[in-house]
PDB file of all heavy atoms in Angstrom:
ATOM      1  N   VAL A   1      -3.323   1.179  -2.279  1.00  0.00           N
ATOM      2  CA  VAL A   1      -3.077  -0.121  -2.869  1.00  0.00           C
ATOM      3  C   VAL A   1      -4.402  -0.605  -3.453  1.00  0.00           C
ATOM      4  O   VAL A   1      -5.416  -0.673  -2.751  1.00  0.00           O
ATOM      5  CB  VAL A   1      -2.471  -1.135  -1.876  1.00  0.00           C
ATOM      6  CG1 VAL A   1      -3.325  -1.323  -0.629  1.00  0.00           C
ATOM      7  CG2 VAL A   1      -2.206  -2.462  -2.569  1.00  0.00           C
ATOM      8  N   THR A   2      -4.397  -0.912  -4.748  1.00  0.00           N
ATOM      9  CA  THR A   2      -5.619  -1.285  -5.445  1.00  0.00           C
ATOM     10  C   THR A   2      -5.949  -2.750  -5.227  1.00  0.00           C
ATOM     11  O   THR A   2      -5.207  -3.498  -4.595  1.00  0.00           O
ATOM     12  CB  THR A   2      -5.486  -1.018  -6.948  1.00  0.00           C
ATOM     13  OG1 THR A   2      -4.579  -1.977  -7.519  1.00  0.00           O
ATOM     14  CG2 THR A   2      -4.978   0.387  -7.224  1.00  0.00           C
ATOM     15  N   THR A   3      -7.077  -3.173  -5.809  1.00  0.00           N
ATOM     16  CA  THR A   3      -7.488  -4.568  -5.712  1.00  0.00           C
ATOM     17  C   THR A   3      -6.575  -5.500  -6.489  1.00  0.00           C
ATOM     18  O   THR A   3      -6.621  -6.706  -6.274  1.00  0.00           O
ATOM     19  CB  THR A   3      -8.924  -4.745  -6.201  1.00  0.00           C
ATOM     20  OG1 THR A   3      -9.039  -4.270  -7.540  1.00  0.00           O
ATOM     21  CG2 THR A   3      -9.893  -3.972  -5.309  1.00  0.00           C
ATOM     22  N   THR A   4      -5.770  -4.955  -7.380  1.00  0.00           N
ATOM     23  CA  THR A   4      -4.794  -5.741  -8.123  1.00  0.00           C
ATOM     24  C   THR A   4      -3.371  -5.504  -7.629  1.00  0.00           C
ATOM     25  O   THR A   4      -2.406  -5.831  -8.313  1.00  0.00           O
ATOM     26  CB  THR A   4      -4.885  -5.449  -9.625  1.00  0.00           C
ATOM     27  OG1 THR A   4      -4.788  -4.039  -9.849  1.00  0.00           O
ATOM     28  CG2 THR A   4      -6.206  -5.952 -10.177  1.00  0.00           C
ATOM     29  N   ASP A   5      -3.239  -4.910  -6.452  1.00  0.00           N
ATOM     30  CA  ASP A   5      -1.954  -4.697  -5.781  1.00  0.00           C
ATOM     31  C   ASP A   5      -1.071  -3.658  -6.458  1.00  0.00           C
ATOM     32  O   ASP A   5       0.149  -3.636  -6.229  1.00  0.00           O
ATOM     33  CB  ASP A   5      -1.189  -6.008  -5.608  1.00  0.00           C
ATOM     34  CG  ASP A   5      -1.763  -6.880  -4.515  1.00  0.00           C
ATOM     35  OD1 ASP A   5      -2.279  -6.328  -3.524  1.00  0.00           O
ATOM     36  OD2 ASP A   5      -1.695  -8.116  -4.652  1.00  0.00           O
ATOM     37  N   ASP A   6      -1.655  -2.808  -7.270  1.00  0.00           N
ATOM     38  CA  ASP A   6      -0.933  -1.629  -7.723  1.00  0.00           C
ATOM     39  C   ASP A   6      -0.875  -0.618  -6.587  1.00  0.00           C
ATOM     40  O   ASP A   6      -1.804  -0.517  -5.787  1.00  0.00           O
ATOM     41  CB  ASP A   6      -1.603  -1.001  -8.940  1.00  0.00           C
ATOM     42  CG  ASP A   6      -1.550  -1.898 -10.156  1.00  0.00           C
ATOM     43  OD1 ASP A   6      -0.480  -2.478 -10.424  1.00  0.00           O
ATOM     44  OD2 ASP A   6      -2.582  -2.011 -10.846  1.00  0.00           O
ATOM     45  N   THR A   7       0.198   0.138  -6.522  1.00  0.00           N
ATOM     46  CA  THR A   7       0.369   1.119  -5.458  1.00  0.00           C
ATOM     47  C   THR A   7       0.641   2.496  -6.023  1.00  0.00           C
ATOM     48  O   THR A   7       1.209   2.651  -7.106  1.00  0.00           O
ATOM     49  CB  THR A   7       1.510   0.732  -4.511  1.00  0.00           C
ATOM     50  OG1 THR A   7       2.726   0.593  -5.256  1.00  0.00           O
ATOM     51  CG2 THR A   7       1.192  -0.573  -3.804  1.00  0.00           C
ATOM     52  N   ASN A   8       0.227   3.499  -5.274  1.00  0.00           N
ATOM     53  CA  ASN A   8       0.493   4.889  -5.597  1.00  0.00           C
ATOM     54  C   ASN A   8       0.752   5.638  -4.303  1.00  0.00           C
ATOM     55  O   ASN A   8       0.170   5.321  -3.264  1.00  0.00           O
ATOM     56  CB  ASN A   8      -0.675   5.531  -6.342  1.00  0.00           C
ATOM     57  CG  ASN A   8      -0.888   4.954  -7.725  1.00  0.00           C
ATOM     58  OD1 ASN A   8      -0.159   5.290  -8.657  1.00  0.00           O
ATOM     59  ND2 ASN A   8      -1.865   4.071  -7.857  1.00  0.00           N
ATOM     60  N   TYR A   9       1.617   6.648  -4.389  1.00  0.00           N
ATOM     61  CA  TYR A   9       2.028   7.391  -3.210  1.00  0.00           C
ATOM     62  C   TYR A   9       2.015   8.884  -3.475  1.00  0.00           C
ATOM     63  O   TYR A   9       2.287   9.337  -4.588  1.00  0.00           O
ATOM     64  CB  TYR A   9       3.441   6.989  -2.785  1.00  0.00           C
ATOM     65  CG  TYR A   9       3.584   5.536  -2.447  1.00  0.00           C
ATOM     66  CD1 TYR A   9       3.969   4.617  -3.416  1.00  0.00           C
ATOM     67  CD2 TYR A   9       3.332   5.074  -1.167  1.00  0.00           C
ATOM     68  CE1 TYR A   9       4.100   3.274  -3.114  1.00  0.00           C
ATOM     69  CE2 TYR A   9       3.452   3.732  -0.857  1.00  0.00           C
ATOM     70  CZ  TYR A   9       3.837   2.836  -1.833  1.00  0.00           C
ATOM     71  OH  TYR A   9       3.961   1.503  -1.527  1.00  0.00           O
ATOM     72  N   ALA A  10       1.707   9.631  -2.430  1.00  0.00           N
ATOM     73  CA  ALA A  10       1.900  11.068  -2.499  1.00  0.00           C
ATOM     74  C   ALA A  10       3.375  11.373  -2.688  1.00  0.00           C
ATOM     75  O   ALA A  10       4.245  10.660  -2.176  1.00  0.00           O
ATOM     76  CB  ALA A  10       1.371  11.729  -1.230  1.00  0.00           C
ATOM     77  N   GLU A  11       3.657  12.424  -3.416  1.00  0.00           N
ATOM     78  CA  GLU A  11       5.041  12.776  -3.702  1.00  0.00           C
ATOM     79  C   GLU A  11       5.858  12.968  -2.421  1.00  0.00           C
ATOM     80  O   GLU A  11       7.035  12.616  -2.373  1.00  0.00           O
ATOM     81  CB  GLU A  11       5.100  14.038  -4.567  1.00  0.00           C
ATOM     82  CG  GLU A  11       6.483  14.352  -5.101  1.00  0.00           C
ATOM     83  CD  GLU A  11       6.995  13.308  -6.062  1.00  0.00           C
ATOM     84  OE1 GLU A  11       6.164  12.665  -6.745  1.00  0.00           O
ATOM     85  OE2 GLU A  11       8.227  13.116  -6.140  1.00  0.00           O
ATOM     86  N   SER A  12       5.233  13.481  -1.392  1.00  0.00           N
ATOM     87  CA  SER A  12       5.940  13.779  -0.154  1.00  0.00           C
ATOM     88  C   SER A  12       6.426  12.537   0.582  1.00  0.00           C
ATOM     89  O   SER A  12       7.321  12.637   1.428  1.00  0.00           O
ATOM     90  CB  SER A  12       5.047  14.606   0.771  1.00  0.00           C
ATOM     91  OG  SER A  12       3.846  13.914   1.064  1.00  0.00           O
ATOM     92  N   VAL A  13       5.856  11.375   0.281  1.00  0.00           N
ATOM     93  CA  VAL A  13       6.245  10.147   0.978  1.00  0.00           C
ATOM     94  C   VAL A  13       6.868   9.120   0.056  1.00  0.00           C
ATOM     95  O   VAL A  13       7.320   8.061   0.527  1.00  0.00           O
ATOM     96  CB  VAL A  13       5.050   9.516   1.721  1.00  0.00           C
ATOM     97  CG1 VAL A  13       4.381  10.539   2.626  1.00  0.00           C
ATOM     98  CG2 VAL A  13       4.046   8.918   0.741  1.00  0.00           C
ATOM     99  N   LYS A  14       6.927   9.396  -1.230  1.00  0.00           N
ATOM    100  CA  LYS A  14       7.451   8.449  -2.203  1.00  0.00           C
ATOM    101  C   LYS A  14       8.894   8.094  -1.872  1.00  0.00           C
ATOM    102  O   LYS A  14       9.720   8.971  -1.616  1.00  0.00           O
ATOM    103  CB  LYS A  14       7.336   9.038  -3.600  1.00  0.00           C
ATOM    104  CG  LYS A  14       7.355   8.025  -4.723  1.00  0.00           C
ATOM    105  CD  LYS A  14       6.961   8.677  -6.057  1.00  0.00           C
ATOM    106  CE  LYS A  14       5.528   9.172  -6.045  1.00  0.00           C
ATOM    107  NZ  LYS A  14       5.133   9.785  -7.338  1.00  0.00           N
ATOM    108  N   GLY A  15       9.181   6.805  -1.877  1.00  0.00           N
ATOM    109  CA  GLY A  15      10.511   6.334  -1.548  1.00  0.00           C
ATOM    110  C   GLY A  15      10.737   6.081  -0.075  1.00  0.00           C
ATOM    111  O   GLY A  15      11.739   5.450   0.293  1.00  0.00           O
ATOM    112  N   ARG A  16       9.842   6.557   0.768  1.00  0.00           N
ATOM    113  CA  ARG A  16       9.972   6.364   2.209  1.00  0.00           C
ATOM    114  C   ARG A  16       8.882   5.464   2.778  1.00  0.00           C
ATOM    115  O   ARG A  16       9.126   4.732   3.735  1.00  0.00           O
ATOM    116  CB  ARG A  16       9.928   7.706   2.939  1.00  0.00           C
ATOM    117  CG  ARG A  16      11.046   8.655   2.542  1.00  0.00           C
ATOM    118  CD  ARG A  16      11.055   9.896   3.440  1.00  0.00           C
ATOM    119  NE  ARG A  16       9.826  10.670   3.297  1.00  0.00           N
ATOM    120  CZ  ARG A  16       8.986  10.941   4.297  1.00  0.00           C
ATOM    121  NH1 ARG A  16       9.248  10.506   5.521  1.00  0.00           N
ATOM    122  NH2 ARG A  16       7.902  11.678   4.075  1.00  0.00           N
ATOM    123  N   PHE A  17       7.676   5.535   2.214  1.00  0.00           N
ATOM    124  CA  PHE A  17       6.532   4.776   2.710  1.00  0.00           C
ATOM    125  C   PHE A  17       6.204   3.636   1.754  1.00  0.00           C
ATOM    126  O   PHE A  17       6.373   3.761   0.534  1.00  0.00           O
ATOM    127  CB  PHE A  17       5.297   5.665   2.839  1.00  0.00           C
ATOM    128  CG  PHE A  17       5.342   6.677   3.947  1.00  0.00           C
ATOM    129  CD1 PHE A  17       6.519   6.989   4.611  1.00  0.00           C
ATOM    130  CD2 PHE A  17       4.174   7.330   4.318  1.00  0.00           C
ATOM    131  CE1 PHE A  17       6.545   7.931   5.625  1.00  0.00           C
ATOM    132  CE2 PHE A  17       4.195   8.274   5.333  1.00  0.00           C
ATOM    133  CZ  PHE A  17       5.371   8.582   5.990  1.00  0.00           C
ATOM    134  N   THR A  18       5.700   2.542   2.300  1.00  0.00           N
ATOM    135  CA  THR A  18       5.270   1.402   1.513  1.00  0.00           C
ATOM    136  C   THR A  18       3.920   0.916   2.023  1.00  0.00           C
ATOM    137  O   THR A  18       3.749   0.718   3.231  1.00  0.00           O
ATOM    138  CB  THR A  18       6.277   0.244   1.575  1.00  0.00           C
ATOM    139  OG1 THR A  18       7.571   0.702   1.161  1.00  0.00           O
ATOM    140  CG2 THR A  18       5.839  -0.894   0.666  1.00  0.00           C
ATOM    141  N   ILE A  19       2.969   0.730   1.115  1.00  0.00           N
ATOM    142  CA  ILE A  19       1.653   0.207   1.463  1.00  0.00           C
ATOM    143  C   ILE A  19       1.498  -1.192   0.875  1.00  0.00           C
ATOM    144  O   ILE A  19       1.941  -1.453  -0.239  1.00  0.00           O
ATOM    145  CB  ILE A  19       0.528   1.146   0.963  1.00  0.00           C
ATOM    146  CG1 ILE A  19      -0.852   0.656   1.435  1.00  0.00           C
ATOM    147  CG2 ILE A  19       0.569   1.293  -0.555  1.00  0.00           C
ATOM    148  CD1 ILE A  19      -1.986   1.642   1.116  1.00  0.00           C
ATOM    149  N   TRP A  20       0.906  -2.098   1.635  1.00  0.00           N
ATOM    150  CA  TRP A  20       0.553  -3.410   1.113  1.00  0.00           C
ATOM    151  C   TRP A  20      -0.632  -3.968   1.881  1.00  0.00           C
ATOM    152  O   TRP A  20      -1.010  -3.434   2.920  1.00  0.00           O
ATOM    153  CB  TRP A  20       1.739  -4.371   1.116  1.00  0.00           C
ATOM    154  CG  TRP A  20       2.156  -4.916   2.458  1.00  0.00           C
ATOM    155  CD1 TRP A  20       1.818  -6.129   2.999  1.00  0.00           C
ATOM    156  CD2 TRP A  20       3.020  -4.280   3.401  1.00  0.00           C
ATOM    157  NE1 TRP A  20       2.415  -6.282   4.229  1.00  0.00           N
ATOM    158  CE2 TRP A  20       3.162  -5.163   4.496  1.00  0.00           C
ATOM    159  CE3 TRP A  20       3.690  -3.060   3.427  1.00  0.00           C
ATOM    160  CZ2 TRP A  20       3.940  -4.857   5.608  1.00  0.00           C
ATOM    161  CZ3 TRP A  20       4.465  -2.757   4.533  1.00  0.00           C
ATOM    162  CH2 TRP A  20       4.586  -3.640   5.602  1.00  0.00           C
ATOM    163  N   ARG A  21      -1.198  -5.011   1.337  1.00  0.00           N
ATOM    164  CA  ARG A  21      -2.394  -5.588   1.922  1.00  0.00           C
ATOM    165  C   ARG A  21      -2.234  -7.093   2.105  1.00  0.00           C
ATOM    166  O   ARG A  21      -1.538  -7.757   1.331  1.00  0.00           O
ATOM    167  CB  ARG A  21      -3.617  -5.294   1.043  1.00  0.00           C
ATOM    168  CG  ARG A  21      -3.527  -5.874  -0.369  1.00  0.00           C
ATOM    169  CD  ARG A  21      -4.462  -5.158  -1.344  1.00  0.00           C
ATOM    170  NE  ARG A  21      -5.855  -5.305  -0.950  1.00  0.00           N
ATOM    171  CZ  ARG A  21      -6.824  -4.480  -1.295  1.00  0.00           C
ATOM    172  NH1 ARG A  21      -6.566  -3.414  -2.057  1.00  0.00           N
ATOM    173  NH2 ARG A  21      -8.063  -4.695  -0.888  1.00  0.00           N
ATOM    174  N   GLU A  22      -2.876  -7.635   3.117  1.00  0.00           N
ATOM    175  CA  GLU A  22      -2.990  -9.064   3.334  1.00  0.00           C
ATOM    176  C   GLU A  22      -4.483  -9.355   3.445  1.00  0.00           C
ATOM    177  O   GLU A  22      -5.064  -9.306   4.527  1.00  0.00           O
ATOM    178  CB  GLU A  22      -2.237  -9.504   4.582  1.00  0.00           C
ATOM    179  CG  GLU A  22      -0.737  -9.264   4.479  1.00  0.00           C
ATOM    180  CD  GLU A  22       0.034  -9.816   5.654  1.00  0.00           C
ATOM    181  OE1 GLU A  22      -0.517 -10.645   6.414  1.00  0.00           O
ATOM    182  OE2 GLU A  22       1.210  -9.421   5.824  1.00  0.00           O
ATOM    183  N   ASN A  23      -5.082  -9.661   2.299  1.00  0.00           N
ATOM    184  CA  ASN A  23      -6.539  -9.743   2.222  1.00  0.00           C
ATOM    185  C   ASN A  23      -7.120 -10.829   3.122  1.00  0.00           C
ATOM    186  O   ASN A  23      -8.169 -10.633   3.735  1.00  0.00           O
ATOM    187  CB  ASN A  23      -6.975  -9.986   0.781  1.00  0.00           C
ATOM    188  CG  ASN A  23      -6.688  -8.809  -0.127  1.00  0.00           C
ATOM    189  OD1 ASN A  23      -6.765  -7.654   0.292  1.00  0.00           O
ATOM    190  ND2 ASN A  23      -6.367  -9.100  -1.384  1.00  0.00           N
ATOM    191  N   ALA A  24      -6.463 -11.976   3.182  1.00  0.00           N
ATOM    192  CA  ALA A  24      -6.973 -13.076   3.988  1.00  0.00           C
ATOM    193  C   ALA A  24      -6.978 -12.724   5.468  1.00  0.00           C
ATOM    194  O   ALA A  24      -7.808 -13.225   6.225  1.00  0.00           O
ATOM    195  CB  ALA A  24      -6.163 -14.346   3.737  1.00  0.00           C
ATOM    196  N   LEU A  25      -6.045 -11.888   5.885  1.00  0.00           N
ATOM    197  CA  LEU A  25      -5.976 -11.443   7.268  1.00  0.00           C
ATOM    198  C   LEU A  25      -6.805 -10.200   7.511  1.00  0.00           C
ATOM    199  O   LEU A  25      -6.925  -9.763   8.658  1.00  0.00           O
ATOM    200  CB  LEU A  25      -4.527 -11.175   7.665  1.00  0.00           C
ATOM    201  CG  LEU A  25      -3.568 -12.358   7.611  1.00  0.00           C
ATOM    202  CD1 LEU A  25      -2.161 -11.908   7.990  1.00  0.00           C
ATOM    203  CD2 LEU A  25      -4.035 -13.470   8.520  1.00  0.00           C
ATOM    204  N   LYS A  26      -7.365  -9.633   6.446  1.00  0.00           N
ATOM    205  CA  LYS A  26      -8.156  -8.413   6.514  1.00  0.00           C
ATOM    206  C   LYS A  26      -7.353  -7.286   7.147  1.00  0.00           C
ATOM    207  O   LYS A  26      -7.828  -6.557   8.022  1.00  0.00           O
ATOM    208  CB  LYS A  26      -9.474  -8.656   7.256  1.00  0.00           C
ATOM    209  CG  LYS A  26     -10.248  -9.850   6.720  1.00  0.00           C
ATOM    210  CD  LYS A  26     -11.668  -9.933   7.238  1.00  0.00           C
ATOM    211  CE  LYS A  26     -12.565  -9.009   6.445  1.00  0.00           C
ATOM    212  NZ  LYS A  26     -14.002  -9.302   6.686  1.00  0.00           N
ATOM    213  N   LYS A  27      -6.115  -7.139   6.664  1.00  0.00           N
ATOM    214  CA  LYS A  27      -5.225  -6.112   7.166  1.00  0.00           C
ATOM    215  C   LYS A  27      -4.557  -5.362   6.028  1.00  0.00           C
ATOM    216  O   LYS A  27      -4.298  -5.914   4.958  1.00  0.00           O
ATOM    217  CB  LYS A  27      -4.154  -6.727   8.070  1.00  0.00           C
ATOM    218  CG  LYS A  27      -4.694  -7.285   9.380  1.00  0.00           C
ATOM    219  CD  LYS A  27      -3.569  -7.791  10.258  1.00  0.00           C
ATOM    220  CE  LYS A  27      -4.110  -8.403  11.542  1.00  0.00           C
ATOM    221  NZ  LYS A  27      -4.733  -7.370  12.413  1.00  0.00           N
ATOM    222  N   VAL A  28      -4.285  -4.107   6.274  1.00  0.00           N
ATOM    223  CA  VAL A  28      -3.542  -3.234   5.373  1.00  0.00           C
ATOM    224  C   VAL A  28      -2.459  -2.560   6.195  1.00  0.00           C
ATOM    225  O   VAL A  28      -2.698  -2.171   7.341  1.00  0.00           O
ATOM    226  CB  VAL A  28      -4.453  -2.191   4.706  1.00  0.00           C
ATOM    227  CG1 VAL A  28      -3.669  -1.358   3.706  1.00  0.00           C
ATOM    228  CG2 VAL A  28      -5.632  -2.867   4.024  1.00  0.00           C
ATOM    229  N   TYR A  29      -1.291  -2.393   5.594  1.00  0.00           N
ATOM    230  CA  TYR A  29      -0.146  -1.879   6.325  1.00  0.00           C
ATOM    231  C   TYR A  29       0.424  -0.638   5.649  1.00  0.00           C
ATOM    232  O   TYR A  29       0.304  -0.451   4.439  1.00  0.00           O
ATOM    233  CB  TYR A  29       0.958  -2.934   6.413  1.00  0.00           C
ATOM    234  CG  TYR A  29       0.516  -4.232   7.029  1.00  0.00           C
ATOM    235  CD1 TYR A  29       0.037  -5.264   6.228  1.00  0.00           C
ATOM    236  CD2 TYR A  29       0.576  -4.429   8.399  1.00  0.00           C
ATOM    237  CE1 TYR A  29      -0.375  -6.458   6.782  1.00  0.00           C
ATOM    238  CE2 TYR A  29       0.167  -5.624   8.961  1.00  0.00           C
ATOM    239  CZ  TYR A  29      -0.308  -6.637   8.154  1.00  0.00           C
ATOM    240  OH  TYR A  29      -0.708  -7.816   8.712  1.00  0.00           O
ATOM    241  N   LEU A  30       1.069   0.187   6.435  1.00  0.00           N
ATOM    242  CA  LEU A  30       1.845   1.303   5.927  1.00  0.00           C
ATOM    243  C   LEU A  30       3.169   1.329   6.672  1.00  0.00           C
ATOM    244  O   LEU A  30       3.209   1.654   7.864  1.00  0.00           O
ATOM    245  CB  LEU A  30       1.106   2.630   6.105  1.00  0.00           C
ATOM    246  CG  LEU A  30       1.793   3.852   5.498  1.00  0.00           C
ATOM    247  CD1 LEU A  30       1.774   3.780   3.973  1.00  0.00           C
ATOM    248  CD2 LEU A  30       1.141   5.145   5.982  1.00  0.00           C
TER     249      LEU A  30
END
């Protein structure tokens, strides 16, 4: 997940995994 909230995934996990960030909480999720 980029600094502008664009996302990219490996082909093997595409459609199953989701990444996002909560910058104020200093957390990243998968």
